[in-house]
Amino acid sequence: MKDVAEMSFEEALRELEQVVGQLESGNVDLEKSIAFYERGALLKKHCESKLAQAQARIEQITLAENGQPDGTAPFDAK
């Protein structure tokens, strides 16, 4: 299983969808359900972080007086 921190947003989202599908199916025993839930929580947190980073980068786009994009400001991903 790939480390969540190394996944792209798309990879993490695909796996999260698979985890949710498994849990919703009801065909998983309790121990495996707990493991799926824990993995899903990590994947969800990773996706949220990636989205927040993307949003911050988008917010860095500067606008000219006419409201049209005219460049970008540096993005600091602390």
N, C-alpha and C. Protein backbone atom coordinates (compact mmCIF):
# COMPACT_ATOMS: atom_id res chain seq x y z
N MET A 1 0.84 -1.17 0.00
CA MET A 1 0.00 0.00 0.00
C MET A 1 0.89 1.24 0.00
N LYS A 2 0.59 2.19 -0.87
CA LYS A 2 1.39 3.40 -1.03
C LYS A 2 1.19 4.33 0.16
N ASP A 3 2.28 4.98 0.58
CA ASP A 3 2.21 5.95 1.67
C ASP A 3 1.33 7.12 1.22
N VAL A 4 0.39 7.49 2.05
CA VAL A 4 -0.57 8.54 1.71
C VAL A 4 0.15 9.85 1.39
N ALA A 5 1.19 10.18 2.13
CA ALA A 5 1.91 11.44 1.93
C ALA A 5 2.53 11.54 0.55
N GLU A 6 2.77 10.43 -0.10
CA GLU A 6 3.40 10.41 -1.42
C GLU A 6 2.37 10.42 -2.56
N MET A 7 1.10 10.37 -2.22
CA MET A 7 0.05 10.29 -3.24
C MET A 7 -0.31 11.67 -3.79
N SER A 8 -0.69 11.67 -5.06
CA SER A 8 -1.26 12.88 -5.64
C SER A 8 -2.69 12.99 -5.12
N PHE A 9 -3.30 14.13 -5.33
CA PHE A 9 -4.70 14.32 -4.93
C PHE A 9 -5.58 13.27 -5.61
N GLU A 10 -5.36 13.07 -6.91
CA GLU A 10 -6.19 12.15 -7.68
C GLU A 10 -6.05 10.71 -7.18
N GLU A 11 -4.82 10.30 -6.87
CA GLU A 11 -4.61 8.94 -6.35
C GLU A 11 -5.32 8.76 -5.01
N ALA A 12 -5.17 9.74 -4.13
CA ALA A 12 -5.78 9.65 -2.81
C ALA A 12 -7.30 9.64 -2.91
N LEU A 13 -7.85 10.46 -3.79
CA LEU A 13 -9.30 10.51 -3.95
C LEU A 13 -9.84 9.18 -4.49
N ARG A 14 -9.14 8.61 -5.47
CA ARG A 14 -9.57 7.30 -6.01
C ARG A 14 -9.59 6.24 -4.92
N GLU A 15 -8.52 6.20 -4.12
CA GLU A 15 -8.46 5.19 -3.06
C GLU A 15 -9.52 5.47 -2.00
N LEU A 16 -9.75 6.74 -1.68
CA LEU A 16 -10.78 7.08 -0.70
C LEU A 16 -12.15 6.62 -1.19
N GLU A 17 -12.43 6.79 -2.48
CA GLU A 17 -13.69 6.31 -3.04
C GLU A 17 -13.81 4.79 -2.91
N GLN A 18 -12.70 4.08 -3.11
CA GLN A 18 -12.71 2.63 -2.97
C GLN A 18 -12.97 2.22 -1.52
N VAL A 19 -12.33 2.93 -0.59
CA VAL A 19 -12.51 2.64 0.84
C VAL A 19 -13.97 2.85 1.23
N VAL A 20 -14.54 3.97 0.80
CA VAL A 20 -15.94 4.26 1.12
C VAL A 20 -16.84 3.17 0.53
N GLY A 21 -16.56 2.76 -0.68
CA GLY A 21 -17.35 1.70 -1.31
C GLY A 21 -17.29 0.41 -0.52
N GLN A 22 -16.11 0.05 -0.06
CA GLN A 22 -15.96 -1.17 0.75
C GLN A 22 -16.76 -1.07 2.04
N LEU A 23 -16.63 0.08 2.70
CA LEU A 23 -17.35 0.26 3.97
C LEU A 23 -18.86 0.26 3.77
N GLU A 24 -19.31 0.89 2.70
CA GLU A 24 -20.75 0.94 2.43
C GLU A 24 -21.33 -0.41 2.02
N SER A 25 -20.48 -1.28 1.48
CA SER A 25 -20.98 -2.58 1.02
C SER A 25 -21.47 -3.44 2.19
N GLY A 26 -20.90 -3.23 3.36
CA GLY A 26 -21.30 -4.02 4.51
C GLY A 26 -20.75 -5.43 4.50
N ASN A 27 -19.87 -5.74 3.54
CA ASN A 27 -19.32 -7.08 3.41
C ASN A 27 -17.92 -7.20 3.99
N VAL A 28 -17.59 -6.35 4.95
CA VAL A 28 -16.25 -6.34 5.53
C VAL A 28 -16.38 -6.59 7.02
N ASP A 29 -15.51 -7.47 7.56
CA ASP A 29 -15.59 -7.75 8.98
C ASP A 29 -15.14 -6.53 9.80
N LEU A 30 -15.40 -6.57 11.08
CA LEU A 30 -15.18 -5.42 11.96
C LEU A 30 -13.74 -4.93 11.94
N GLU A 31 -12.78 -5.83 12.10
CA GLU A 31 -11.37 -5.43 12.14
C GLU A 31 -10.93 -4.76 10.84
N LYS A 32 -11.35 -5.33 9.74
CA LYS A 32 -11.00 -4.75 8.44
C LYS A 32 -11.71 -3.41 8.25
N SER A 33 -12.95 -3.31 8.73
CA SER A 33 -13.68 -2.05 8.65
C SER A 33 -12.94 -0.94 9.41
N ILE A 34 -12.41 -1.27 10.57
CA ILE A 34 -11.66 -0.29 11.35
C ILE A 34 -10.41 0.14 10.60
N ALA A 35 -9.72 -0.80 9.99
CA ALA A 35 -8.51 -0.48 9.22
C ALA A 35 -8.87 0.40 8.01
N PHE A 36 -9.97 0.06 7.34
CA PHE A 36 -10.43 0.88 6.20
C PHE A 36 -10.77 2.29 6.67
N TYR A 37 -11.46 2.39 7.80
CA TYR A 37 -11.85 3.70 8.32
C TYR A 37 -10.61 4.55 8.64
N GLU A 38 -9.62 3.93 9.28
CA GLU A 38 -8.39 4.66 9.61
C GLU A 38 -7.68 5.13 8.34
N ARG A 39 -7.58 4.26 7.35
CA ARG A 39 -6.95 4.62 6.07
C ARG A 39 -7.75 5.73 5.40
N GLY A 40 -9.06 5.60 5.43
CA GLY A 40 -9.92 6.61 4.83
C GLY A 40 -9.75 7.98 5.49
N ALA A 41 -9.59 8.00 6.80
CA ALA A 41 -9.38 9.25 7.51
C ALA A 41 -8.07 9.91 7.08
N LEU A 42 -7.03 9.11 6.90
CA LEU A 42 -5.75 9.65 6.43
C LEU A 42 -5.87 10.19 5.01
N LEU A 43 -6.56 9.45 4.16
CA LEU A 43 -6.76 9.88 2.78
C LEU A 43 -7.57 11.17 2.71
N LYS A 44 -8.61 11.26 3.52
CA LYS A 44 -9.45 12.47 3.56
C LYS A 44 -8.62 13.67 3.99
N LYS A 45 -7.84 13.51 5.03
CA LYS A 45 -6.99 14.61 5.52
C LYS A 45 -6.00 15.04 4.44
N HIS A 46 -5.42 14.09 3.73
CA HIS A 46 -4.47 14.39 2.66
C HIS A 46 -5.15 15.15 1.53
N CYS A 47 -6.33 14.72 1.14
CA CYS A 47 -7.07 15.40 0.07
C CYS A 47 -7.43 16.83 0.49
N GLU A 48 -7.87 17.00 1.73
CA GLU A 48 -8.19 18.34 2.23
C GLU A 48 -6.98 19.25 2.20
N SER A 49 -5.82 18.71 2.57
CA SER A 49 -4.59 19.48 2.57
C SER A 49 -4.20 19.90 1.16
N LYS A 50 -4.31 18.96 0.22
CA LYS A 50 -3.98 19.27 -1.17
C LYS A 50 -4.93 20.35 -1.72
N LEU A 51 -6.21 20.26 -1.39
CA LEU A 51 -7.17 21.26 -1.84
C LEU A 51 -6.87 22.63 -1.24
N ALA A 52 -6.49 22.65 0.03
CA ALA A 52 -6.16 23.92 0.69
C ALA A 52 -4.93 24.55 0.04
N GLN A 53 -3.95 23.73 -0.31
CA GLN A 53 -2.75 24.24 -1.00
C GLN A 53 -3.13 24.82 -2.36
N ALA A 54 -3.98 24.12 -3.09
CA ALA A 54 -4.40 24.60 -4.40
C ALA A 54 -5.17 25.90 -4.27
N GLN A 55 -6.04 25.99 -3.29
CA GLN A 55 -6.81 27.21 -3.08
C GLN A 55 -5.89 28.38 -2.75
N ALA A 56 -4.90 28.15 -1.91
CA ALA A 56 -3.96 29.22 -1.56
C ALA A 56 -3.19 29.69 -2.78
N ARG A 57 -2.82 28.76 -3.65
CA ARG A 57 -2.10 29.15 -4.87
C ARG A 57 -3.00 29.97 -5.78
N ILE A 58 -4.24 29.56 -5.91
CA ILE A 58 -5.18 30.29 -6.76
C ILE A 58 -5.39 31.70 -6.21
N GLU A 59 -5.48 31.82 -4.90
CA GLU A 59 -5.68 33.12 -4.28
C GLU A 59 -4.50 34.06 -4.52
N GLN A 60 -3.37 33.51 -4.90
CA GLN A 60 -2.20 34.32 -5.14
C GLN A 60 -2.20 34.96 -6.53
N ILE A 61 -3.17 34.59 -7.37
CA ILE A 61 -3.27 35.20 -8.70
C ILE A 61 -3.66 36.66 -8.52
N THR A 62 -2.89 37.54 -9.12
CA THR A 62 -3.17 38.97 -8.97
C THR A 62 -4.07 39.44 -10.10
N LEU A 63 -4.88 40.44 -9.80
CA LEU A 63 -5.81 40.98 -10.78
C LEU A 63 -5.44 42.41 -11.12
N ALA A 64 -5.59 42.76 -12.39
CA ALA A 64 -5.38 44.14 -12.83
C ALA A 64 -6.61 44.96 -12.44
N GLU A 65 -6.56 46.24 -12.65
CA GLU A 65 -7.68 47.11 -12.30
C GLU A 65 -8.97 46.73 -13.03
N ASN A 66 -8.86 46.15 -14.22
CA ASN A 66 -10.05 45.77 -14.97
C ASN A 66 -10.61 44.41 -14.53
N GLY A 67 -10.02 43.82 -13.51
CA GLY A 67 -10.50 42.55 -12.99
C GLY A 67 -9.96 41.34 -13.71
N GLN A 68 -9.12 41.53 -14.70
CA GLN A 68 -8.53 40.43 -15.45
C GLN A 68 -7.21 39.99 -14.79
N PRO A 69 -6.92 38.69 -14.78
CA PRO A 69 -5.66 38.23 -14.21
C PRO A 69 -4.48 38.87 -14.95
N ASP A 70 -3.51 39.35 -14.18
CA ASP A 70 -2.35 39.95 -14.82
C ASP A 70 -1.04 39.34 -14.33
N GLY A 71 -1.13 38.29 -13.58
CA GLY A 71 0.09 37.62 -13.11
C GLY A 71 -0.19 36.87 -11.83
N THR A 72 0.87 36.49 -11.18
CA THR A 72 0.73 35.77 -9.91
C THR A 72 1.70 36.35 -8.91
N ALA A 73 1.35 36.22 -7.66
CA ALA A 73 2.25 36.59 -6.57
C ALA A 73 2.88 35.31 -6.04
N PRO A 74 4.06 35.40 -5.46
CA PRO A 74 4.71 34.20 -4.93
C PRO A 74 3.81 33.50 -3.91
N PHE A 75 3.84 32.19 -3.93
CA PHE A 75 3.07 31.39 -3.00
C PHE A 75 4.02 30.78 -1.99
N ASP A 76 3.73 30.98 -0.73
CA ASP A 76 4.56 30.46 0.35
C ASP A 76 3.81 29.32 1.02
N ALA A 77 4.22 28.08 0.77
CA ALA A 77 3.51 26.89 1.27
C ALA A 77 4.09 26.45 2.61
N LYS A 78 3.99 27.25 3.62
CA LYS A 78 4.53 26.91 4.95
C LYS A 78 3.80 25.79 5.55
